[in-house]
Protein backbone atom coordinates (compact mmCIF):
# COMPACT_ATOMS: atom_id res chain seq x y z
CA UNK A 1 0.00 0.00 0.00
CA UNK A 2 1.22 3.55 -0.66
CA UNK A 3 0.53 6.88 0.99
CA UNK A 4 -1.42 9.60 -0.86
CA UNK A 5 0.36 12.97 -0.66
CA UNK A 6 -1.58 15.48 1.42
CA UNK A 7 -1.77 17.91 -1.51
CA UNK A 8 -3.75 15.32 -3.52
CA UNK A 9 -5.94 14.06 -0.72
CA UNK A 10 -9.49 15.32 -0.31
CA UNK A 11 -12.47 13.94 1.48
CA UNK A 12 -15.51 12.40 -0.17
CA UNK A 13 -17.71 14.88 1.71
CA UNK A 14 -15.84 17.82 0.13
CA UNK A 15 -16.25 16.32 -3.34
CA UNK A 16 -19.95 15.63 -2.90
CA UNK A 17 -20.50 19.14 -1.50
CA UNK A 18 -18.92 20.55 -4.65
CA UNK A 19 -21.17 18.43 -6.83
CA UNK A 20 -24.29 19.69 -5.05
CA UNK A 21 -23.50 23.35 -5.69
CA UNK A 22 -26.50 24.69 -7.60
CA UNK A 23 -25.84 26.01 -11.09
CA UNK A 24 -26.10 29.75 -11.63
CA UNK A 25 -29.59 30.98 -12.49
CA UNK A 26 -30.41 30.63 -16.20
CA UNK A 27 -30.94 33.56 -18.50
CA UNK A 28 -29.35 36.18 -16.23
CA UNK A 29 -26.90 37.43 -18.88
CA UNK A 30 -29.39 37.85 -21.70
CA UNK A 31 -30.76 41.15 -22.88
CA UNK A 32 -33.64 42.07 -25.17
CA UNK A 33 -32.62 43.62 -28.49
CA UNK A 34 -34.60 45.26 -31.29
CA UNK A 35 -33.12 45.72 -34.73
CA UNK A 36 -32.73 44.55 -38.31
CA UNK A 37 -31.63 41.00 -39.19
CA UNK A 38 -30.31 39.78 -42.52
CA UNK A 39 -29.77 36.11 -43.16
CA UNK A 40 -28.68 34.10 -46.14
CA UNK A 41 -25.55 32.75 -47.78
CA UNK A 42 -22.63 33.93 -45.64
CA UNK A 43 -24.97 36.36 -43.89
CA UNK A 44 -26.28 36.33 -40.37
CA UNK A 45 -26.09 40.00 -39.45
CA UNK A 46 -27.96 41.96 -36.81
CA UNK A 47 -28.01 45.75 -36.67
CA UNK A 48 -29.27 46.70 -33.20
CA UNK A 49 -31.24 49.88 -32.68
CA UNK A 50 -29.55 50.83 -29.42
CA UNK A 51 -25.80 50.61 -29.89
CA UNK A 52 -22.96 52.98 -30.64
CA UNK A 53 -22.47 54.07 -34.26
CA UNK A 54 -19.24 52.05 -34.60
CA UNK A 55 -20.79 48.93 -33.02
CA UNK A 56 -23.71 48.23 -35.32
CA UNK A 57 -22.95 44.95 -37.09
CA UNK A 58 -23.21 41.78 -35.00
CA UNK A 59 -22.90 38.18 -36.20
CA UNK A 60 -25.91 36.13 -35.12
CA UNK A 61 -26.02 32.54 -33.96
CA UNK A 62 -29.30 31.05 -32.75
CA UNK A 63 -29.72 28.31 -30.17
CA UNK A 64 -31.64 25.26 -31.39
CA UNK A 65 -34.77 26.51 -29.57
CA UNK A 66 -34.46 30.03 -31.02
CA UNK A 67 -33.96 28.56 -34.50
CA UNK A 68 -37.20 26.57 -34.13
CA UNK A 69 -39.00 29.70 -32.87
CA UNK A 70 -37.69 31.76 -35.80
CA UNK A 71 -38.71 29.21 -38.40
CA UNK A 72 -42.16 28.75 -36.82
CA UNK A 73 -42.82 32.49 -36.84
CA UNK A 74 -41.52 32.93 -40.39
CA UNK A 75 -43.88 30.17 -41.57
CA UNK A 76 -46.87 32.26 -40.42
CA UNK A 77 -45.88 35.50 -42.18
CA UNK A 78 -48.14 36.14 -45.16
CA UNK A 79 -46.84 39.62 -46.06
CA UNK A 80 -44.28 39.84 -48.85
CA UNK A 81 -40.73 39.41 -47.57
CA UNK A 82 -38.46 42.43 -47.73
CA UNK A 83 -34.70 42.88 -47.70
CA UNK A 84 -34.33 41.77 -44.11
CA UNK A 85 -36.38 41.24 -41.01
CA UNK A 86 -37.31 43.41 -38.07
CA UNK A 87 -36.65 41.35 -34.94
CA UNK A 88 -37.09 41.57 -31.21
CA UNK A 89 -35.23 38.84 -29.38
CA UNK A 90 -33.23 37.96 -26.28
CA UNK A 91 -29.60 37.01 -26.38
CA UNK A 92 -26.09 37.35 -25.07
CA UNK A 93 -23.44 39.47 -26.77
CA UNK A 94 -19.69 39.04 -26.79
CA UNK A 95 -17.06 41.65 -26.10
CA UNK A 96 -16.11 43.78 -29.11
CA UNK A 97 -13.96 41.80 -31.54
CA UNK A 98 -13.80 40.98 -35.24
CA UNK A 99 -16.87 38.79 -35.72
CA UNK A 100 -18.70 36.86 -38.37
CA UNK A 101 -17.96 36.31 -42.03
CA UNK A 102 -14.43 37.54 -42.71
CA UNK A 103 -14.41 39.42 -39.38
CA UNK A 104 -16.59 42.28 -40.67
CA UNK A 105 -18.76 42.45 -37.54
CA UNK A 106 -18.03 43.98 -34.16
CA UNK A 107 -19.61 41.35 -31.86
CA UNK A 108 -21.21 37.94 -31.71
CA UNK A 109 -24.83 37.59 -30.58
CA UNK A 110 -26.17 34.27 -29.33
CA UNK A 111 -29.97 34.45 -29.57
CA UNK A 112 -31.79 32.34 -27.00
CA UNK A 113 -35.39 33.49 -27.48
CA UNK A 114 -37.38 35.03 -30.33
CA UNK A 115 -40.01 37.55 -29.28
CA UNK A 116 -41.12 38.94 -32.65
CA UNK A 117 -40.11 38.81 -36.31
CA UNK A 118 -41.65 40.86 -39.14
CA UNK A 119 -40.68 41.85 -42.65
CA UNK A 120 -38.42 44.90 -42.37
CA UNK A 121 -40.44 48.06 -43.09
CA UNK A 122 -38.96 50.77 -45.32
CA UNK A 123 -38.55 52.95 -42.22
CA UNK A 124 -36.38 50.28 -40.58
CA UNK A 125 -36.80 48.24 -37.43
CA UNK A 126 -36.07 50.92 -34.87
CA UNK A 127 -39.47 52.63 -35.12
CA UNK A 128 -41.34 49.44 -34.14
CA UNK A 129 -42.69 49.30 -30.61
CA UNK A 130 -44.10 45.74 -30.30
């Protein structure tokens, strides 16, 4: 039999206490955003209404649930599609960095919940209030 060095030894009660630590609350880092969304070949861009002038092009990724929500809502739209979509959704943004296709964006946005999607009006998305 060999001795376990004290630095490597820990008790089973300490390990099980660590395993029972509750996870952080879900959805605490997400924010609601309103803006214009363009999707297509090598496109997944979001232009938020409330961001600085030099921070207006974010690369969008949707969770599986948000993707299902988006597709379900789009299937119900009977109005003619326009060059983009007006969206209201919840998500988490990254720090500023080169983002998206060829690094042309300023952030990444992970969308976790779709609230509303409409064809983009000529006046843009920022005038919409629900």
